[in-house]
Structures are given as structure tokens and as C-alpha cells.
């Protein structure tokens, strides 16, 4: 079995039932048998320990605190990946571990990894509290965070001990976690997780910005303008999410989004998704204006669409926020295209349009073979920055 495989449910029926429950409810959790040999770990836990990029490997059939487990944990990007942290976990569970070891403390001392033997001497033969806290760290930043842990015994109908299940969760309470995730789209969260490690990812890039925003901001009350901005970015984000894109940063009245070819299934589908998202957002502006008690002509967006063949895209997460961003010439060029799209136009680069396959182009009502393009420098609306930084980029209206 490779690290990329989902682990099968344990053979023991009682443990299998608990494992299925942990799996189906998306918990961080793992299960050991009555001799503390690991028999199951959820994909959610393994994916977290693999930094969202891989399913971390657990040595099934090996003692939770034995040499094989210690060796495997040292390769985890997150989790109890040091002897110190594994030692804290042993301190938490040690009473049960010792109780389940027939040979007592002498046998347990021989079973555990040599680096944990000193911890065995601290264990007393009694059940640990039902819940407690351990500490995990990332192998990158070495930043420690509290992670509440809950362990419970699993018994067969006869009362015989089948094993033990351990569940952990992020430190915030469920009210906080629920509030943060209540409006989030699950698919978008998964796409964000998939780019947690920055890398070059071919993608369509969308920039959009509110035209004549400064006069509008001066005319409206601050509260009214804030509500307009909130409605606008909510509509924009939903249009991007509906087309399978990644929402980028919000700067002022601007919106940035990325449509990664890997997520879309092809470069053609990614290009199509970007154009479709721009059109959907343009159509949604009438509702945004109406709810803000404005005329449709007062809420107009400029759109710039471009292709980033070598865009460097990743997820930046800090203590204060998490967002997807991208670097590369194509990102700056997309911004220059958008700035030239006065009058609520959607300008797409030739590089983007020519990614469209026949079927996707037809779905958008476009015929790439019949389109004509204009270099940015020749547009009447070309900005000074566009003429300076991207004069030769050819665009057409979509």
C-alpha cells in the first residue's frame, strides 16, 4: 500500500464502524487496536499531515509509539513530527497504553522508540482524562499551536476492548470554525488547498475593476459605498466559483481570479471559464446596482482577460488571512489589459483566445479564426502604463 492510498476500514467490526463514522464526517482521527497498533487513519488527517499535497503515510500494524511510527512521523509536514511532540502524545495516552500492555512498564519500554523510553517512566497506570490537549508543529515554521485531542475506548458488544480512537481538531471552537466556513464554497476551499504549495500553473487570469469609482465614492455615504463594494465582490466571487475558478485578492473595487488548467481539465476549458465568469459578472451588475439604489450605468466594470502560461500561483496563509495570489509577467499584463477596457468592455488577449478549442469557443459564441485583434498601444483607451509595459499585446472584445 502506498502513501497515496486511502486506508481500508479495520477488519474488526467494532473498529470498522467507528472508522467509517470518522471518515464519513470528515474528522481528523486515527484508530489503534487493543495492543496500540495503528489500524486506521482518516484521509483528512493524512492530508493535513501532508500539507494538503499528499496523504501522509502511517505504518499500519505497527505500535503507535514504536520505531516504525516514529520514523514515519518524521516525514510528516505537519502533526506530531518530532520526538518531543510524540512524547507529549504518549504522556496524554500513556495510562491506557500501559494498561493495555501485558508486560507492564518493562515491556512498554522495549516497544516504544528509544527516544520515547524516558517518557515511559512518567506514566502511571490509570486512565487518562477523557479529553486533553497536545501540541503539534509544522516542519516548516516550527510554530506550535494547541490542538485539542479526544480519545475514547471502542468495545465489542461482549464488552471486550477492541481498541482506541483518537480525534483531534483545530484549536478554535466550533462556533468560530462554523462562522468562518459558513459562507465558504467547499469546492473552492479544496481548490485553494490544492495550491497551498506555490508552483507554476498554466491558468487564465481575470482582472475586473469598478469604473469611475472615485466620483461614486464621493457621492455616496461611506456606509452605502461599503455595501455596494460588498455586494460587488460577493457577486464576483460567486461567478468565479461557479466557473471553477480561484478567487484572488480584492484590492479596493478590484477583483482578481485565476482559472487553473489543471482544475478545469484543459487549457481550453480554463480559458472558456474565465470568459464565462466575466460575462456572468457583467450580467449580475444590474442586480447589484438595483440593490444599491443606483442606475445600471453607474455600476460598470472593466474586464481584462489574459493567459498565464508560466504564472506562479499559490495560497498565502498567515495568522490574519488566507488568499490565492499569483506572480509573473502575465499577471501584470492582465492588469494593463483591464485598465484599457473603458466603457465596461471585456478585453481578452490573443494568447487567451487561441487556447480555446472548437467546442469551447462555440459554447461562447466565438469563432477564433474570424476574430481580429488590436495591440494595446493602438487602442484609444490605452493607458500610459499599457503603452509602456505591454504595447504589443493584442486584444479583442469578448
Protein backbone atom coordinates (compact mmCIF):
# COMPACT_ATOMS: atom_id res chain seq x y z
CA UNK A 1 0.00 0.00 0.00
CA UNK A 2 1.41 3.40 -0.99
CA UNK A 3 1.09 6.69 0.85
CA UNK A 4 -1.42 7.80 -1.77
CA UNK A 5 -3.92 5.04 -0.98
CA UNK A 6 -6.97 5.54 1.20
CA UNK A 7 -6.66 3.09 4.06
CA UNK A 8 -9.25 0.30 4.23
CA UNK A 9 -11.52 0.03 7.23
CA UNK A 10 -10.16 -2.16 10.05
CA UNK A 11 -11.06 -5.84 9.97
CA UNK A 12 -12.52 -5.71 13.48
CA UNK A 13 -16.26 -4.83 13.07
CA UNK A 14 -16.38 -2.51 16.08
CA UNK A 15 -13.31 -0.58 14.96
CA UNK A 16 -14.58 -0.54 11.38
CA UNK A 17 -17.84 1.07 12.49
CA UNK A 18 -16.01 3.85 14.31
CA UNK A 19 -13.58 4.33 11.42
CA UNK A 20 -16.45 4.69 8.97
CA UNK A 21 -18.01 7.32 11.20
CA UNK A 22 -14.78 9.31 11.37
CA UNK A 23 -14.32 9.01 7.62
CA UNK A 24 -17.85 9.98 6.67
CA UNK A 25 -17.92 13.04 8.94
CA UNK A 26 -14.58 14.35 7.74
CA UNK A 27 -12.76 14.16 11.08
CA UNK A 28 -9.10 14.21 11.88
CA UNK A 29 -8.82 10.84 13.57
CA UNK A 30 -6.99 7.56 13.83
CA UNK A 31 -7.58 4.20 15.48
CA UNK A 32 -5.37 1.66 17.22
CA UNK A 33 -6.24 -1.89 18.20
CA UNK A 34 -6.11 -3.33 21.73
CA UNK A 35 -2.31 -3.55 21.51
CA UNK A 36 -1.93 0.03 20.23
CA UNK A 37 -1.10 -0.96 16.68
CA UNK A 38 -2.37 1.61 14.19
CA UNK A 39 -5.17 0.15 12.09
CA UNK A 40 -6.70 3.24 10.52
CA UNK A 41 -6.19 6.96 9.88
CA UNK A 42 -8.64 9.22 8.05
CA UNK A 43 -7.72 10.81 4.75
CA UNK A 44 -8.49 14.22 6.26
CA UNK A 45 -5.85 13.72 8.94
CA UNK A 46 -3.34 12.30 6.48
CA UNK A 47 -3.93 15.13 4.01
CA UNK A 48 -3.36 17.70 6.74
CA UNK A 49 -0.14 15.99 7.84
CA UNK A 50 0.88 16.01 4.17
CA UNK A 51 0.35 19.80 3.95
CA UNK A 52 -2.62 19.35 1.65
CA UNK A 53 -0.42 17.92 -1.10
CA UNK A 54 -0.28 14.23 -0.26
CA UNK A 55 -1.71 11.62 2.07
CA UNK A 56 0.89 11.20 4.80
CA UNK A 57 1.97 7.62 5.39
CA UNK A 58 1.15 5.73 8.58
CA UNK A 59 2.74 2.33 9.33
CA UNK A 60 -0.38 0.21 9.68
CA UNK A 61 0.03 -2.74 12.05
CA UNK A 62 2.87 -1.04 13.94
CA UNK A 63 2.74 0.26 17.51
CA UNK A 64 1.68 3.91 17.66
CA UNK A 65 4.84 4.82 19.57
CA UNK A 66 7.24 2.26 18.10
CA UNK A 67 10.31 2.90 15.92
CA UNK A 68 8.37 2.48 12.65
CA UNK A 69 5.78 5.06 13.71
CA UNK A 70 8.48 7.47 14.86
CA UNK A 71 10.31 7.12 11.55
CA UNK A 72 7.12 7.73 9.55
CA UNK A 73 6.10 10.75 11.64
CA UNK A 74 9.44 12.44 10.99
CA UNK A 75 8.42 12.71 7.31
CA UNK A 76 5.12 14.45 8.02
CA UNK A 77 4.99 18.13 7.10
CA UNK A 78 2.55 18.81 9.93
CA UNK A 79 1.49 16.90 13.02
CA UNK A 80 3.42 15.21 15.81
CA UNK A 81 6.53 15.03 13.70
CA UNK A 82 9.25 15.27 16.34
CA UNK A 83 10.21 13.06 19.32
CA UNK A 84 9.17 15.88 21.66
CA UNK A 85 5.68 16.07 20.19
CA UNK A 86 5.26 12.30 20.02
CA UNK A 87 6.35 12.26 23.66
CA UNK A 88 3.57 14.67 24.58
CA UNK A 89 1.08 12.43 22.83
CA UNK A 90 2.43 9.47 24.81
CA UNK A 91 2.02 11.45 28.03
CA UNK A 92 -1.62 12.06 27.15
CA UNK A 93 -2.44 8.45 26.23
CA UNK A 94 0.12 6.68 28.37
CA UNK A 95 -2.24 5.46 31.07
CA UNK A 96 -4.29 3.47 28.56
CA UNK A 97 -1.21 2.35 26.63
CA UNK A 98 0.35 0.95 29.80
CA UNK A 99 -2.93 -0.67 30.88
CA UNK A 100 -3.10 -2.50 27.53
CA UNK A 101 0.50 -3.77 27.66
CA UNK A 102 0.55 -7.23 29.31
CA UNK A 103 4.18 -6.99 30.35
CA UNK A 104 3.68 -3.63 32.01
CA UNK A 105 6.19 -0.84 32.03
CA UNK A 106 9.19 -3.06 31.21
CA UNK A 107 7.55 -4.39 28.04
CA UNK A 108 6.33 -0.94 27.02
CA UNK A 109 9.82 0.48 27.42
CA UNK A 110 11.08 -2.11 24.92
CA UNK A 111 8.22 -1.49 22.46
CA UNK A 112 8.45 2.27 22.15
CA UNK A 113 11.06 4.10 20.11
CA UNK A 114 14.30 4.59 22.09
CA UNK A 115 13.76 8.35 22.11
CA UNK A 116 10.49 7.86 24.00
CA UNK A 117 11.74 5.48 26.70
CA UNK A 118 12.33 8.22 29.24
CA UNK A 119 8.67 9.22 28.84
CA UNK A 120 7.55 5.73 29.82
CA UNK A 121 8.92 6.30 33.32
CA UNK A 122 6.49 9.21 33.74
CA UNK A 123 3.39 7.09 33.03
CA UNK A 124 1.12 5.98 35.85
CA UNK A 125 -1.21 3.02 35.47
CA UNK A 126 -4.51 4.85 35.29
CA UNK A 127 -6.87 6.03 32.62
CA UNK A 128 -6.05 9.44 31.20
CA UNK A 129 -8.69 12.13 31.29
CA UNK A 130 -11.28 11.78 28.57
CA UNK A 131 -10.07 14.79 26.74
CA UNK A 132 -6.95 16.86 26.74
CA UNK A 133 -4.62 18.87 24.63
CA UNK A 134 -1.44 18.04 22.84
CA UNK A 135 0.75 20.22 20.67
CA UNK A 136 1.67 19.85 17.02
CA UNK A 137 4.14 21.78 14.89
CA UNK A 138 4.89 22.32 11.24
CA UNK A 139 8.19 21.09 9.95
CA UNK A 140 8.48 24.36 8.05
CA UNK A 141 7.98 27.20 10.50
CA UNK A 142 8.23 25.19 13.72
CA UNK A 143 5.32 27.23 15.02
CA UNK A 144 3.46 25.44 17.78
CA UNK A 145 -0.31 25.54 18.12
CA UNK A 146 -2.64 23.93 20.61
CA UNK A 147 -4.70 21.12 19.11
CA UNK A 148 -7.39 19.64 21.39
CA UNK A 149 -7.42 15.85 21.40
CA UNK A 150 -10.17 13.47 22.44
CA UNK A 151 -9.67 9.73 22.89
CA UNK A 152 -12.24 7.06 23.62
CA UNK A 153 -12.31 3.31 24.04
CA UNK A 154 -14.04 1.08 21.50
CA UNK A 155 -15.56 -2.13 22.83
CA UNK A 156 -17.34 -5.05 21.24
CA UNK A 157 -20.88 -5.96 22.31
CA UNK A 158 -19.39 -8.50 24.70
CA UNK A 159 -17.51 -5.74 26.46
CA UNK A 160 -14.10 -6.83 25.18
CA UNK A 161 -11.76 -3.98 24.35
CA UNK A 162 -11.32 -3.67 20.57
CA UNK A 163 -9.13 -0.60 20.55
CA UNK A 164 -8.95 3.15 20.99
CA UNK A 165 -9.92 6.06 18.76
CA UNK A 166 -8.22 9.46 18.89
CA UNK A 167 -9.83 12.57 17.44
CA UNK A 168 -8.20 15.97 17.13
CA UNK A 169 -9.40 19.32 15.80
CA UNK A 170 -8.12 22.86 15.20
CA UNK A 171 -7.84 24.97 18.34
CA UNK A 172 -10.80 27.36 17.67
CA UNK A 173 -14.19 26.29 18.99
CA UNK A 174 -16.81 25.03 16.61
CA UNK A 175 -18.73 28.33 16.80
CA UNK A 176 -15.68 30.14 15.41
CA UNK A 177 -14.93 27.47 12.82
CA UNK A 178 -18.56 27.40 11.75
CA UNK A 179 -18.73 31.18 11.38
CA UNK A 180 -15.56 31.21 9.27
CA UNK A 181 -16.72 28.41 6.98
CA UNK A 182 -20.47 29.06 6.87
CA UNK A 183 -20.36 31.05 3.61
CA UNK A 184 -17.44 29.20 2.06
CA UNK A 185 -17.86 27.00 -1.01
CA UNK A 186 -16.46 23.52 -0.38
CA UNK A 187 -15.14 23.13 -3.92
CA UNK A 188 -13.35 26.46 -3.74
CA UNK A 189 -11.79 25.57 -0.38
CA UNK A 190 -10.49 22.35 -1.91
CA UNK A 191 -9.07 24.23 -4.90
CA UNK A 192 -7.36 26.66 -2.53
CA UNK A 193 -5.89 23.73 -0.64
CA UNK A 194 -4.62 22.21 -3.88
CA UNK A 195 -2.42 25.28 -4.49
CA UNK A 196 -1.13 25.54 -0.92
CA UNK A 197 2.35 24.86 -2.29
CA UNK A 198 3.13 27.60 -4.84
CA UNK A 199 4.13 26.38 -8.30
CA UNK A 200 3.97 27.29 -11.96
CA UNK A 201 0.44 26.55 -13.07
CA UNK A 202 -0.89 27.49 -16.53
CA UNK A 203 -4.05 29.50 -15.98
CA UNK A 204 -6.44 32.06 -17.38
CA UNK A 205 -6.27 35.33 -15.45
CA UNK A 206 -9.20 37.69 -14.90
CA UNK A 207 -8.93 41.26 -13.67
CA UNK A 208 -12.01 43.44 -13.13
CA UNK A 209 -12.36 46.89 -11.64
CA UNK A 210 -15.18 49.34 -10.97
CA UNK A 211 -15.13 52.23 -13.40
CA UNK A 212 -15.49 55.81 -12.12
CA UNK A 213 -15.31 54.57 -8.56
CA UNK A 214 -13.85 57.75 -7.10
CA UNK A 215 -16.78 60.02 -8.08
CA UNK A 216 -19.20 57.35 -6.90
CA UNK A 217 -17.42 57.04 -3.55
CA UNK A 218 -17.55 60.81 -3.07
CA UNK A 219 -21.26 60.97 -3.89
CA UNK A 220 -22.44 58.08 -1.74
CA UNK A 221 -22.25 57.87 2.02
CA UNK A 222 -19.39 55.74 3.30
CA UNK A 223 -21.85 53.12 4.56
CA UNK A 224 -23.66 52.98 1.20
CA UNK A 225 -20.43 52.70 -0.73
CA UNK A 226 -19.24 49.92 1.57
CA UNK A 227 -22.46 47.98 0.96
CA UNK A 228 -22.02 48.45 -2.79
CA UNK A 229 -18.46 47.11 -2.58
CA UNK A 230 -19.60 44.14 -0.54
CA UNK A 231 -22.36 43.26 -2.98
CA UNK A 232 -19.96 43.62 -5.87
CA UNK A 233 -17.25 41.32 -4.53
CA UNK A 234 -19.82 38.76 -3.40
CA UNK A 235 -21.29 38.67 -6.89
CA UNK A 236 -17.82 38.50 -8.44
CA UNK A 237 -16.64 35.71 -6.17
CA UNK A 238 -19.77 33.66 -6.84
CA UNK A 239 -19.35 33.99 -10.60
CA UNK A 240 -15.72 32.89 -10.33
CA UNK A 241 -16.59 29.97 -8.05
CA UNK A 242 -19.46 28.86 -10.30
CA UNK A 243 -16.99 28.55 -13.18
CA UNK A 244 -14.49 26.57 -11.12
CA UNK A 245 -12.02 29.40 -10.63
CA UNK A 246 -9.90 30.60 -7.74
CA UNK A 247 -10.77 33.93 -6.14
CA UNK A 248 -7.71 36.12 -5.82
CA UNK A 249 -7.18 39.27 -3.83
CA UNK A 250 -9.68 42.11 -3.54
CA UNK A 251 -7.95 45.47 -3.87
CA UNK A 252 -10.28 48.44 -3.47
CA UNK A 253 -13.01 47.91 -6.04
CA UNK A 254 -10.95 45.38 -7.98
CA UNK A 255 -11.33 41.65 -8.39
CA UNK A 256 -8.71 39.12 -9.45
CA UNK A 257 -9.34 35.48 -10.30
CA UNK A 258 -7.45 32.52 -11.72
CA UNK A 259 -8.77 29.59 -13.74
CA UNK A 260 -6.14 26.88 -13.48
CA UNK A 261 -5.90 24.48 -16.41
CA UNK A 262 -5.32 21.57 -14.02
CA UNK A 263 -8.61 22.30 -12.25
CA UNK A 264 -10.59 22.92 -15.44
CA UNK A 265 -9.31 19.81 -17.18
CA UNK A 266 -7.63 21.58 -20.08
CA UNK A 267 -6.28 24.94 -21.17
CA UNK A 268 -9.30 25.38 -23.42
CA UNK A 269 -11.75 24.83 -20.57
CA UNK A 270 -9.82 27.23 -18.33
CA UNK A 271 -9.94 29.96 -20.98
CA UNK A 272 -13.64 29.33 -21.52
CA UNK A 273 -14.31 29.51 -17.77
CA UNK A 274 -12.61 32.90 -17.48
CA UNK A 275 -14.69 34.41 -20.29
CA UNK A 276 -17.89 32.83 -18.94
CA UNK A 277 -17.19 34.23 -15.46
CA UNK A 278 -16.67 37.73 -16.86
CA UNK A 279 -19.94 37.53 -18.76
CA UNK A 280 -21.83 36.22 -15.74
CA UNK A 281 -20.48 39.00 -13.56
CA UNK A 282 -21.40 41.63 -16.13
CA UNK A 283 -24.96 40.25 -16.15
CA UNK A 284 -25.07 40.31 -12.33
CA UNK A 285 -24.22 44.02 -12.16
CA UNK A 286 -27.82 45.06 -12.83
CA UNK A 287 -28.92 43.36 -9.62
CA UNK A 288 -26.01 44.86 -7.69
CA UNK A 289 -26.99 48.33 -8.93
CA UNK A 290 -30.67 47.82 -8.16
CA UNK A 291 -30.00 46.64 -4.61
CA UNK A 292 -27.70 49.63 -4.12
CA UNK A 293 -30.38 52.02 -5.45
CA UNK A 294 -28.19 53.02 -8.37
CA UNK A 295 -28.69 53.10 -12.10
CA UNK A 296 -27.11 50.27 -14.14
CA UNK A 297 -24.82 52.74 -15.91
CA UNK A 298 -23.39 53.75 -12.53
CA UNK A 299 -22.08 50.25 -11.77
CA UNK A 300 -19.79 49.32 -14.64
CA UNK A 301 -16.77 47.04 -14.56
CA UNK A 302 -13.74 46.91 -16.83
CA UNK A 303 -12.54 43.38 -17.59
CA UNK A 304 -9.09 42.21 -18.62
CA UNK A 305 -8.54 38.55 -19.55
CA UNK A 306 -5.14 37.06 -20.27
CA UNK A 307 -3.31 33.72 -20.34
CA UNK A 308 -0.52 32.94 -17.91
CA UNK A 309 1.47 30.05 -19.33
CA UNK A 310 4.05 30.30 -16.55
CA UNK A 311 2.03 32.00 -13.82
CA UNK A 312 3.36 31.17 -10.36
CA UNK A 313 0.21 30.53 -8.32
CA UNK A 314 -0.06 29.67 -4.65
CA UNK A 315 -2.00 30.08 -1.44
CA UNK A 316 -0.60 32.50 1.13
CA UNK A 317 -1.91 31.82 4.62
CA UNK A 318 -0.96 33.93 7.63
CA UNK A 319 -2.31 34.38 11.14
CA UNK A 320 -4.63 37.03 9.75
CA UNK A 321 -5.95 35.65 6.45
CA UNK A 322 -5.57 33.24 3.58
CA UNK A 323 -5.66 34.12 -0.10
CA UNK A 324 -4.61 32.85 -3.50
CA UNK A 325 -2.19 35.01 -5.40
CA UNK A 326 -0.01 34.78 -8.50
CA UNK A 327 3.22 36.27 -9.79
CA UNK A 328 4.57 36.62 -13.29
CA UNK A 329 4.59 38.95 -16.26
CA UNK A 330 1.18 37.71 -17.38
CA UNK A 331 -0.41 38.91 -14.13
CA UNK A 332 0.89 42.45 -14.65
CA UNK A 333 -0.13 42.32 -18.30
CA UNK A 334 -3.68 41.28 -17.36
CA UNK A 335 -3.90 44.35 -15.15
CA UNK A 336 -2.76 46.53 -18.06
CA UNK A 337 -5.42 44.97 -20.33
CA UNK A 338 -8.12 45.64 -17.74
CA UNK A 339 -7.12 49.30 -17.37
CA UNK A 340 -7.64 49.77 -21.13
CA UNK A 341 -11.15 48.26 -21.14
CA UNK A 342 -13.02 51.52 -20.53
CA UNK A 343 -16.75 51.63 -21.07
CA UNK A 344 -17.43 48.30 -19.42
CA UNK A 345 -15.72 46.29 -22.11
CA UNK A 346 -14.19 42.84 -21.63
CA UNK A 347 -10.88 42.66 -23.45
CA UNK A 348 -9.20 39.29 -23.90
CA UNK A 349 -5.70 38.71 -25.17
CA UNK A 350 -4.94 36.76 -28.30
CA UNK A 351 -2.97 34.34 -26.10
CA UNK A 352 -6.13 33.53 -24.14
CA UNK A 353 -8.48 33.29 -27.12
CA UNK A 354 -6.21 30.93 -29.01
CA UNK A 355 -6.29 28.49 -26.10
CA UNK A 356 -9.96 27.87 -26.91
CA UNK A 357 -10.77 24.59 -28.61
CA UNK A 358 -13.52 24.47 -31.22
CA UNK A 359 -16.20 23.17 -28.83
CA UNK A 360 -15.47 25.67 -26.06
CA UNK A 361 -15.27 28.57 -28.49
CA UNK A 362 -18.64 27.58 -29.98
CA UNK A 363 -20.17 27.41 -26.49
CA UNK A 364 -19.12 31.04 -26.01
CA UNK A 365 -20.39 32.06 -29.45
CA UNK A 366 -16.87 32.85 -30.65
CA UNK A 367 -15.04 31.92 -33.83
CA UNK A 368 -11.32 32.42 -33.13
CA UNK A 369 -10.49 32.08 -36.83
CA UNK A 370 -12.55 35.17 -37.67
CA UNK A 371 -11.57 37.43 -34.79
CA UNK A 372 -9.31 40.40 -35.32
CA UNK A 373 -7.06 41.93 -32.68
CA UNK A 374 -5.68 45.33 -31.78
CA UNK A 375 -2.41 45.94 -29.91
CA UNK A 376 -2.96 47.72 -26.62
CA UNK A 377 -0.83 50.66 -27.77
CA UNK A 378 -3.25 51.35 -30.64
CA UNK A 379 -6.39 51.48 -28.51
CA UNK A 380 -7.92 54.92 -27.97
CA UNK A 381 -8.30 53.94 -24.33
CA UNK A 382 -4.71 52.74 -23.87
CA UNK A 383 -3.19 53.92 -20.61
CA UNK A 384 0.32 55.24 -20.23
CA UNK A 385 1.30 52.09 -18.31
CA UNK A 386 -0.11 49.85 -21.05
CA UNK A 387 1.85 51.70 -23.73
CA UNK A 388 4.96 51.44 -21.59
CA UNK A 389 4.70 47.86 -20.26
CA UNK A 390 2.59 45.89 -22.75
CA UNK A 391 2.20 47.81 -26.02
CA UNK A 392 2.31 44.76 -28.30
CA UNK A 393 -0.25 42.60 -26.51
CA UNK A 394 -3.08 42.02 -28.97
CA UNK A 395 -6.63 42.01 -27.62
CA UNK A 396 -10.21 41.69 -28.81
CA UNK A 397 -13.56 42.29 -27.16
CA UNK A 398 -15.47 39.28 -25.82
